[in-house]
């Protein structure tokens, strides 16, 4: 079952104590990790490296 953005932020904060996030059209980025914690608006496969957002999200 997919989780929503609020759940992703809550779970990540509980696991890492990071509390600052950025919202993008592709999902939620943790300011502390500097990585996507939730990807919810891309149709690209995890193997996609064509788009900069995919390279960052799936790094």
PDB file of N, CA and C in Angstrom:
ATOM      1  N   UNK A   1       0.838  -1.183   0.000  1.00  0.00           N
ATOM      2  CA  UNK A   1       0.000   0.000   0.000  1.00  0.00           C
ATOM      3  C   UNK A   1       0.883   1.247   0.000  1.00  0.00           C
ATOM      4  N   UNK A   2       0.586   2.178  -0.862  1.00  0.00           N
ATOM      5  CA  UNK A   2       1.367   3.406  -0.974  1.00  0.00           C
ATOM      6  C   UNK A   2       1.097   4.318   0.214  1.00  0.00           C
ATOM      7  N   UNK A   3       2.125   5.068   0.596  1.00  0.00           N
ATOM      8  CA  UNK A   3       1.958   6.021   1.675  1.00  0.00           C
ATOM      9  C   UNK A   3       1.895   7.425   1.089  1.00  0.00           C
ATOM     10  N   UNK A   4       1.293   8.339   1.841  1.00  0.00           N
ATOM     11  CA  UNK A   4       1.213   9.706   1.349  1.00  0.00           C
ATOM     12  C   UNK A   4       2.405  10.510   1.849  1.00  0.00           C
ATOM     13  N   UNK A   5       2.475  11.756   1.434  1.00  0.00           N
ATOM     14  CA  UNK A   5       3.626  12.593   1.769  1.00  0.00           C
ATOM     15  C   UNK A   5       3.752  12.819   3.273  1.00  0.00           C
ATOM     16  N   UNK A   6       2.642  13.052   3.946  1.00  0.00           N
ATOM     17  CA  UNK A   6       2.685  13.279   5.395  1.00  0.00           C
ATOM     18  C   UNK A   6       3.197  12.045   6.129  1.00  0.00           C
ATOM     19  N   UNK A   7       2.738  10.882   5.726  1.00  0.00           N
ATOM     20  CA  UNK A   7       3.211   9.640   6.348  1.00  0.00           C
ATOM     21  C   UNK A   7       4.705   9.446   6.105  1.00  0.00           C
ATOM     22  N   UNK A   8       5.157   9.747   4.901  1.00  0.00           N
ATOM     23  CA  UNK A   8       6.579   9.600   4.579  1.00  0.00           C
ATOM     24  C   UNK A   8       7.416  10.527   5.448  1.00  0.00           C
ATOM     25  N   UNK A   9       6.976  11.773   5.601  1.00  0.00           N
ATOM     26  CA  UNK A   9       7.715  12.713   6.457  1.00  0.00           C
ATOM     27  C   UNK A   9       7.729  12.238   7.901  1.00  0.00           C
ATOM     28  N   UNK A  10       6.588  11.794   8.405  1.00  0.00           N
ATOM     29  CA  UNK A  10       6.495  11.328   9.794  1.00  0.00           C
ATOM     30  C   UNK A  10       7.396  10.124  10.050  1.00  0.00           C
ATOM     31  N   UNK A  11       7.357   9.157   9.149  1.00  0.00           N
ATOM     32  CA  UNK A  11       8.178   7.954   9.321  1.00  0.00           C
ATOM     33  C   UNK A  11       9.667   8.282   9.225  1.00  0.00           C
ATOM     34  N   UNK A  12      10.021   9.162   8.303  1.00  0.00           N
ATOM     35  CA  UNK A  12      11.431   9.523   8.156  1.00  0.00           C
ATOM     36  C   UNK A  12      11.924  10.293   9.377  1.00  0.00           C
ATOM     37  N   UNK A  13      11.103  11.186   9.903  1.00  0.00           N
ATOM     38  CA  UNK A  13      11.477  11.937  11.106  1.00  0.00           C
ATOM     39  C   UNK A  13      11.650  10.996  12.288  1.00  0.00           C
ATOM     40  N   UNK A  14      10.758  10.028  12.425  1.00  0.00           N
ATOM     41  CA  UNK A  14      10.863   9.061  13.524  1.00  0.00           C
ATOM     42  C   UNK A  14      12.139   8.234  13.414  1.00  0.00           C
ATOM     43  N   UNK A  15      12.545   7.917  12.190  1.00  0.00           N
ATOM     44  CA  UNK A  15      13.720   7.075  11.989  1.00  0.00           C
ATOM     45  C   UNK A  15      15.034   7.847  12.061  1.00  0.00           C
ATOM     46  N   UNK A  16      15.021   9.140  11.691  1.00  0.00           N
ATOM     47  CA  UNK A  16      16.283   9.871  11.558  1.00  0.00           C
ATOM     48  C   UNK A  16      16.358  11.167  12.356  1.00  0.00           C
ATOM     49  N   UNK A  17      15.268  11.632  12.891  1.00  0.00           N
ATOM     50  CA  UNK A  17      15.106  12.927  13.573  1.00  0.00           C
ATOM     51  C   UNK A  17      15.240  14.111  12.620  1.00  0.00           C
ATOM     52  N   UNK A  18      15.305  13.896  11.316  1.00  0.00           N
ATOM     53  CA  UNK A  18      15.307  14.988  10.347  1.00  0.00           C
ATOM     54  C   UNK A  18      13.892  15.546  10.248  1.00  0.00           C
ATOM     55  N   UNK A  19      13.784  16.864  10.308  1.00  0.00           N
ATOM     56  CA  UNK A  19      12.450  17.477  10.338  1.00  0.00           C
ATOM     57  C   UNK A  19      12.215  18.504   9.246  1.00  0.00           C
ATOM     58  N   UNK A  20      13.183  18.724   8.357  1.00  0.00           N
ATOM     59  CA  UNK A  20      12.998  19.697   7.290  1.00  0.00           C
ATOM     60  C   UNK A  20      12.938  18.990   5.953  1.00  0.00           C
ATOM     61  N   UNK A  21      11.902  19.325   5.192  1.00  0.00           N
ATOM     62  CA  UNK A  21      11.658  18.678   3.917  1.00  0.00           C
ATOM     63  C   UNK A  21      11.295  19.710   2.866  1.00  0.00           C
ATOM     64  N   UNK A  22      11.571  19.382   1.624  1.00  0.00           N
ATOM     65  CA  UNK A  22      11.150  20.190   0.482  1.00  0.00           C
ATOM     66  C   UNK A  22      10.163  19.367  -0.323  1.00  0.00           C
ATOM     67  N   UNK A  23       9.127  20.040  -0.806  1.00  0.00           N
ATOM     68  CA  UNK A  23       8.146  19.392  -1.661  1.00  0.00           C
ATOM     69  C   UNK A  23       8.495  19.696  -3.111  1.00  0.00           C
ATOM     70  N   UNK A  24       8.498  18.680  -3.942  1.00  0.00           N
ATOM     71  CA  UNK A  24       8.704  18.879  -5.373  1.00  0.00           C
ATOM     72  C   UNK A  24       7.553  18.214  -6.109  1.00  0.00           C
ATOM     73  N   UNK A  25       7.502  18.396  -7.404  1.00  0.00           N
ATOM     74  CA  UNK A  25       6.444  17.725  -8.161  1.00  0.00           C
ATOM     75  C   UNK A  25       6.646  16.222  -8.175  1.00  0.00           C
ATOM     76  N   UNK A  26       7.864  15.790  -7.870  1.00  0.00           N
ATOM     77  CA  UNK A  26       8.166  14.359  -7.881  1.00  0.00           C
ATOM     78  C   UNK A  26       8.003  13.695  -6.525  1.00  0.00           C
ATOM     79  N   UNK A  27       7.947  14.469  -5.450  1.00  0.00           N
ATOM     80  CA  UNK A  27       7.808  13.869  -4.129  1.00  0.00           C
ATOM     81  C   UNK A  27       8.373  14.741  -3.035  1.00  0.00           C
ATOM     82  N   UNK A  28       8.920  14.104  -2.008  1.00  0.00           N
ATOM     83  CA  UNK A  28       9.422  14.791  -0.822  1.00  0.00           C
ATOM     84  C   UNK A  28      10.929  14.565  -0.707  1.00  0.00           C
ATOM     85  N   UNK A  29      11.670  15.658  -0.533  1.00  0.00           N
ATOM     86  CA  UNK A  29      13.115  15.593  -0.380  1.00  0.00           C
ATOM     87  C   UNK A  29      13.464  15.946   1.058  1.00  0.00           C
ATOM     88  N   UNK A  30      14.291  15.134   1.697  1.00  0.00           N
ATOM     89  CA  UNK A  30      14.761  15.421   3.051  1.00  0.00           C
ATOM     90  C   UNK A  30      15.935  16.387   2.959  1.00  0.00           C
ATOM     91  N   UNK A  31      15.863  17.486   3.710  1.00  0.00           N
ATOM     92  CA  UNK A  31      16.948  18.468   3.708  1.00  0.00           C
ATOM     93  C   UNK A  31      18.211  17.895   4.349  1.00  0.00           C
ATOM     94  N   UNK A  32      18.064  17.045   5.342  1.00  0.00           N
ATOM     95  CA  UNK A  32      19.211  16.456   6.024  1.00  0.00           C
ATOM     96  C   UNK A  32      19.918  15.416   5.174  1.00  0.00           C
ATOM     97  N   UNK A  33      19.161  14.535   4.561  1.00  0.00           N
ATOM     98  CA  UNK A  33      19.738  13.473   3.726  1.00  0.00           C
ATOM     99  C   UNK A  33      20.047  13.967   2.319  1.00  0.00           C
ATOM    100  N   UNK A  34      19.356  15.009   1.917  1.00  0.00           N
ATOM    101  CA  UNK A  34      19.449  15.535   0.544  1.00  0.00           C
ATOM    102  C   UNK A  34      19.091  14.464  -0.471  1.00  0.00           C
ATOM    103  N   UNK A  35      18.059  13.718  -0.164  1.00  0.00           N
ATOM    104  CA  UNK A  35      17.615  12.648  -1.041  1.00  0.00           C
ATOM    105  C   UNK A  35      16.094  12.546  -0.960  1.00  0.00           C
ATOM    106  N   UNK A  36      15.495  12.010  -2.002  1.00  0.00           N
ATOM    107  CA  UNK A  36      14.054  11.795  -1.984  1.00  0.00           C
ATOM    108  C   UNK A  36      13.711  10.703  -0.979  1.00  0.00           C
ATOM    109  N   UNK A  37      12.715  10.973  -0.138  1.00  0.00           N
ATOM    110  CA  UNK A  37      12.211   9.942   0.762  1.00  0.00           C
ATOM    111  C   UNK A  37      10.904   9.374   0.243  1.00  0.00           C
ATOM    112  N   UNK A  38      10.271  10.088  -0.687  1.00  0.00           N
ATOM    113  CA  UNK A  38       9.040   9.609  -1.306  1.00  0.00           C
ATOM    114  C   UNK A  38       8.987  10.142  -2.725  1.00  0.00           C
ATOM    115  N   UNK A  39       8.760   9.254  -3.667  1.00  0.00           N
ATOM    116  CA  UNK A  39       8.588   9.643  -5.060  1.00  0.00           C
ATOM    117  C   UNK A  39       7.164   9.266  -5.434  1.00  0.00           C
ATOM    118  N   UNK A  40       6.369  10.259  -5.838  1.00  0.00           N
ATOM    119  CA  UNK A  40       4.976   9.937  -6.118  1.00  0.00           C
ATOM    120  C   UNK A  40       4.425  10.518  -7.411  1.00  0.00           C
ATOM    121  N   UNK A  41       5.205  11.289  -8.140  1.00  0.00           N
ATOM    122  CA  UNK A  41       4.648  11.869  -9.359  1.00  0.00           C
ATOM    123  C   UNK A  41       5.581  11.727 -10.544  1.00  0.00           C
ATOM    124  N   UNK A  42       6.094  10.553 -10.743  1.00  0.00           N
ATOM    125  CA  UNK A  42       6.897  10.296 -11.933  1.00  0.00           C
ATOM    126  C   UNK A  42       6.478   8.951 -12.512  1.00  0.00           C
ATOM    127  N   UNK A  43       6.474   8.882 -13.813  1.00  0.00           N
ATOM    128  CA  UNK A  43       6.135   7.628 -14.481  1.00  0.00           C
ATOM    129  C   UNK A  43       7.376   6.869 -14.897  1.00  0.00           C
ATOM    130  N   UNK A  44       8.525   7.381 -14.542  1.00  0.00           N
ATOM    131  CA  UNK A  44       9.776   6.747 -14.942  1.00  0.00           C
ATOM    132  C   UNK A  44      10.102   5.560 -14.034  1.00  0.00           C
ATOM    133  N   UNK A  45      10.744   4.594 -14.644  1.00  0.00           N
ATOM    134  CA  UNK A  45      11.184   3.417 -13.882  1.00  0.00           C
ATOM    135  C   UNK A  45      12.401   3.772 -13.031  1.00  0.00           C
ATOM    136  N   UNK A  46      12.650   3.036 -11.949  1.00  0.00           N
ATOM    137  CA  UNK A  46      13.814   3.300 -11.108  1.00  0.00           C
ATOM    138  C   UNK A  46      15.144   3.213 -11.844  1.00  0.00           C
ATOM    139  N   UNK A  47      15.155   2.628 -13.024  1.00  0.00           N
ATOM    140  CA  UNK A  47      16.391   2.538 -13.806  1.00  0.00           C
ATOM    141  C   UNK A  47      16.627   3.768 -14.672  1.00  0.00           C
ATOM    142  N   UNK A  48      15.667   4.712 -14.701  1.00  0.00           N
ATOM    143  CA  UNK A  48      15.787   5.898 -15.552  1.00  0.00           C
ATOM    144  C   UNK A  48      16.924   6.795 -15.067  1.00  0.00           C
ATOM    145  N   UNK A  49      17.766   7.190 -15.988  1.00  0.00           N
ATOM    146  CA  UNK A  49      18.834   8.139 -15.690  1.00  0.00           C
ATOM    147  C   UNK A  49      18.818   9.289 -16.706  1.00  0.00           C
ATOM    148  N   UNK A  50      17.754   9.354 -17.506  1.00  0.00           N
ATOM    149  CA  UNK A  50      17.649  10.373 -18.537  1.00  0.00           C
ATOM    150  C   UNK A  50      17.377  11.751 -17.950  1.00  0.00           C
ATOM    151  N   UNK A  51      16.554  11.820 -16.913  1.00  0.00           N
ATOM    152  CA  UNK A  51      16.146  13.092 -16.308  1.00  0.00           C
ATOM    153  C   UNK A  51      16.961  13.369 -15.046  1.00  0.00           C
ATOM    154  N   UNK A  52      17.312  14.611 -14.840  1.00  0.00           N
ATOM    155  CA  UNK A  52      18.063  14.981 -13.640  1.00  0.00           C
ATOM    156  C   UNK A  52      17.297  14.598 -12.377  1.00  0.00           C
ATOM    157  N   UNK A  53      15.994  14.822 -12.375  1.00  0.00           N
ATOM    158  CA  UNK A  53      15.196  14.484 -11.193  1.00  0.00           C
ATOM    159  C   UNK A  53      15.225  12.990 -10.914  1.00  0.00           C
ATOM    160  N   UNK A  54      15.224  12.176 -11.964  1.00  0.00           N
ATOM    161  CA  UNK A  54      15.298  10.725 -11.778  1.00  0.00           C
ATOM    162  C   UNK A  54      16.670  10.318 -11.265  1.00  0.00           C
ATOM    163  N   UNK A  55      17.714  10.931 -11.800  1.00  0.00           N
ATOM    164  CA  UNK A  55      19.077  10.621 -11.325  1.00  0.00           C
ATOM    165  C   UNK A  55      19.200  10.908  -9.839  1.00  0.00           C
ATOM    166  N   UNK A  56      18.625  12.036  -9.398  1.00  0.00           N
ATOM    167  CA  UNK A  56      18.691  12.394  -7.973  1.00  0.00           C
ATOM    168  C   UNK A  56      17.788  11.495  -7.143  1.00  0.00           C
ATOM    169  N   UNK A  57      16.592  11.257  -7.637  1.00  0.00           N
ATOM    170  CA  UNK A  57      15.616  10.481  -6.869  1.00  0.00           C
ATOM    171  C   UNK A  57      16.035   9.050  -6.688  1.00  0.00           C
ATOM    172  N   UNK A  58      16.651   8.474  -7.710  1.00  0.00           N
ATOM    173  CA  UNK A  58      16.981   7.062  -7.664  1.00  0.00           C
ATOM    174  C   UNK A  58      18.460   6.805  -7.378  1.00  0.00           C
ATOM    175  N   UNK A  59      19.154   7.847  -6.926  1.00  0.00           N
ATOM    176  CA  UNK A  59      20.593   7.717  -6.642  1.00  0.00           C
ATOM    177  C   UNK A  59      20.837   6.769  -5.486  1.00  0.00           C
TER     178      UNK A  59
END
